[in-house]
Amino acid sequence: MLCVEGEFSPMPIRQIIVTFYLLLFLSVGAGSAVFFWQTRREYNQLRQVELATQRRLAEAEQRLRDQEQVLQRLRTDPAYVEMKIRQRLGYARPEEFIFRFEDSP
């Protein structure tokens, strides 16, 4: 276009539209990248929490199995019951003597 002195030379409309779409595309791409990065970081944190929770669950289940075995033995094994009573309560039979020693420092 010819420019008359004192008049503005309009920028071609096609160039303005292409520039606008390019900036819009770059903005959306940058926003998406930031969103993806934050989402990925949150996913990794949640994954770590899940793994820790699974470990704690496995440990709790093992303790439960152990306690169920002890309970079953307490219900069915009189010798085991006697041993536990002697250990925890310090009981003895009438003909037995219990000797207790203090631990030396």
Protein backbone atom coordinates (compact mmCIF):
# COMPACT_ATOMS: atom_id res chain seq x y z
CA MET A 1 0.00 0.00 0.00
CA LEU A 2 1.11 3.43 -0.68
CA CYS A 3 1.37 5.69 2.23
CA VAL A 4 0.30 9.27 1.91
CA GLU A 5 2.19 11.55 4.19
CA GLY A 6 0.38 11.91 7.52
CA GLU A 7 -1.68 8.71 7.10
CA PHE A 8 -1.09 5.46 8.91
CA SER A 9 -0.12 2.38 6.99
CA PRO A 10 -2.40 -0.35 8.30
CA MET A 11 -0.71 -3.62 9.09
CA PRO A 12 -2.08 -6.36 6.89
CA ILE A 13 -4.97 -8.00 8.74
CA ARG A 14 -3.73 -11.49 7.90
CA GLN A 15 -0.42 -10.87 9.69
CA ILE A 16 -2.28 -9.61 12.76
CA ILE A 17 -4.50 -12.70 12.85
CA VAL A 18 -1.55 -15.08 12.42
CA THR A 19 0.38 -13.30 15.18
CA PHE A 20 -2.66 -13.42 17.46
CA TYR A 21 -3.20 -17.15 16.89
CA LEU A 22 0.49 -17.86 17.38
CA LEU A 23 0.52 -16.02 20.71
CA LEU A 24 -2.71 -17.75 21.72
CA PHE A 25 -1.27 -21.16 20.82
CA LEU A 26 1.93 -20.49 22.77
CA SER A 27 -0.04 -19.28 25.78
CA VAL A 28 -2.29 -22.33 25.80
CA GLY A 29 0.73 -24.60 25.35
CA ALA A 30 2.59 -22.98 28.26
CA GLY A 31 -0.51 -23.13 30.47
CA SER A 32 -1.02 -26.79 29.61
CA ALA A 33 2.61 -27.59 30.37
CA VAL A 34 2.40 -25.93 33.79
CA PHE A 35 -0.89 -27.72 34.55
CA PHE A 36 0.56 -31.08 33.47
CA TRP A 37 3.69 -30.55 35.57
CA GLN A 38 1.65 -29.70 38.69
CA THR A 39 -0.68 -32.65 38.11
CA ARG A 40 2.23 -35.02 37.65
CA ARG A 41 3.87 -33.78 40.87
CA GLU A 42 0.61 -34.24 42.78
CA TYR A 43 0.22 -37.74 41.31
CA ASN A 44 3.73 -38.69 42.47
CA GLN A 45 3.00 -37.40 45.98
CA LEU A 46 -0.25 -39.35 46.14
CA ARG A 47 1.52 -42.45 44.87
CA GLN A 48 4.06 -42.17 47.72
CA VAL A 49 1.22 -41.82 50.24
CA GLU A 50 -0.49 -44.86 48.74
CA LEU A 51 2.67 -46.97 48.98
CA ALA A 52 3.21 -45.95 52.61
CA THR A 53 -0.41 -46.77 53.40
CA GLN A 54 -0.12 -50.16 51.72
CA ARG A 55 2.98 -50.93 53.81
CA ARG A 56 1.19 -49.95 57.01
CA LEU A 57 -1.81 -52.07 55.99
CA ALA A 58 0.40 -55.10 55.33
CA GLU A 59 2.08 -54.66 58.74
CA ALA A 60 -1.30 -54.33 60.48
CA GLU A 61 -2.60 -57.44 58.71
CA GLN A 62 0.50 -59.38 59.82
CA ARG A 63 0.02 -58.24 63.44
CA LEU A 64 -3.63 -59.31 63.21
CA ARG A 65 -2.65 -62.78 61.94
CA ASP A 66 -0.11 -63.10 64.77
CA GLN A 67 -2.69 -62.06 67.37
CA GLU A 68 -5.25 -64.48 65.95
CA GLN A 69 -2.71 -67.30 66.27
CA VAL A 70 -2.02 -66.35 69.89
CA LEU A 71 -5.75 -66.18 70.60
CA GLN A 72 -6.29 -69.59 69.02
CA ARG A 73 -3.49 -71.07 71.14
CA LEU A 74 -4.95 -69.47 74.26
CA ARG A 75 -8.30 -71.09 73.47
CA THR A 76 -6.97 -74.57 72.69
CA ASP A 77 -3.56 -75.11 74.35
CA PRO A 78 -3.61 -75.32 78.18
CA ALA A 79 0.20 -75.57 78.37
CA TYR A 80 0.52 -72.32 76.44
CA VAL A 81 -2.01 -70.63 78.75
CA GLU A 82 -0.06 -71.82 81.80
CA MET A 83 3.23 -70.57 80.33
CA LYS A 84 1.75 -67.12 79.64
CA ILE A 85 0.24 -66.88 83.12
CA ARG A 86 3.57 -67.80 84.68
CA GLN A 87 5.45 -65.28 82.53
CA ARG A 88 3.16 -62.31 82.90
CA LEU A 89 1.75 -62.77 86.38
CA GLY A 90 4.63 -64.59 88.04
CA TYR A 91 2.46 -67.46 89.22
CA ALA A 92 3.94 -70.73 90.44
CA ARG A 93 2.64 -74.10 91.46
CA PRO A 94 2.35 -74.80 95.18
CA GLU A 95 5.53 -76.93 95.23
CA GLU A 96 7.62 -74.42 93.21
CA PHE A 97 9.72 -71.48 94.31
CA ILE A 98 10.30 -68.39 92.18
CA PHE A 99 13.63 -66.64 92.43
CA ARG A 100 13.81 -63.09 91.10
CA PHE A 101 17.08 -61.32 90.52
CA GLU A 102 17.50 -57.62 89.98
CA ASP A 103 19.38 -56.58 86.88
CA SER A 104 22.72 -55.02 87.73
CA PRO A 105 23.53 -51.71 86.01
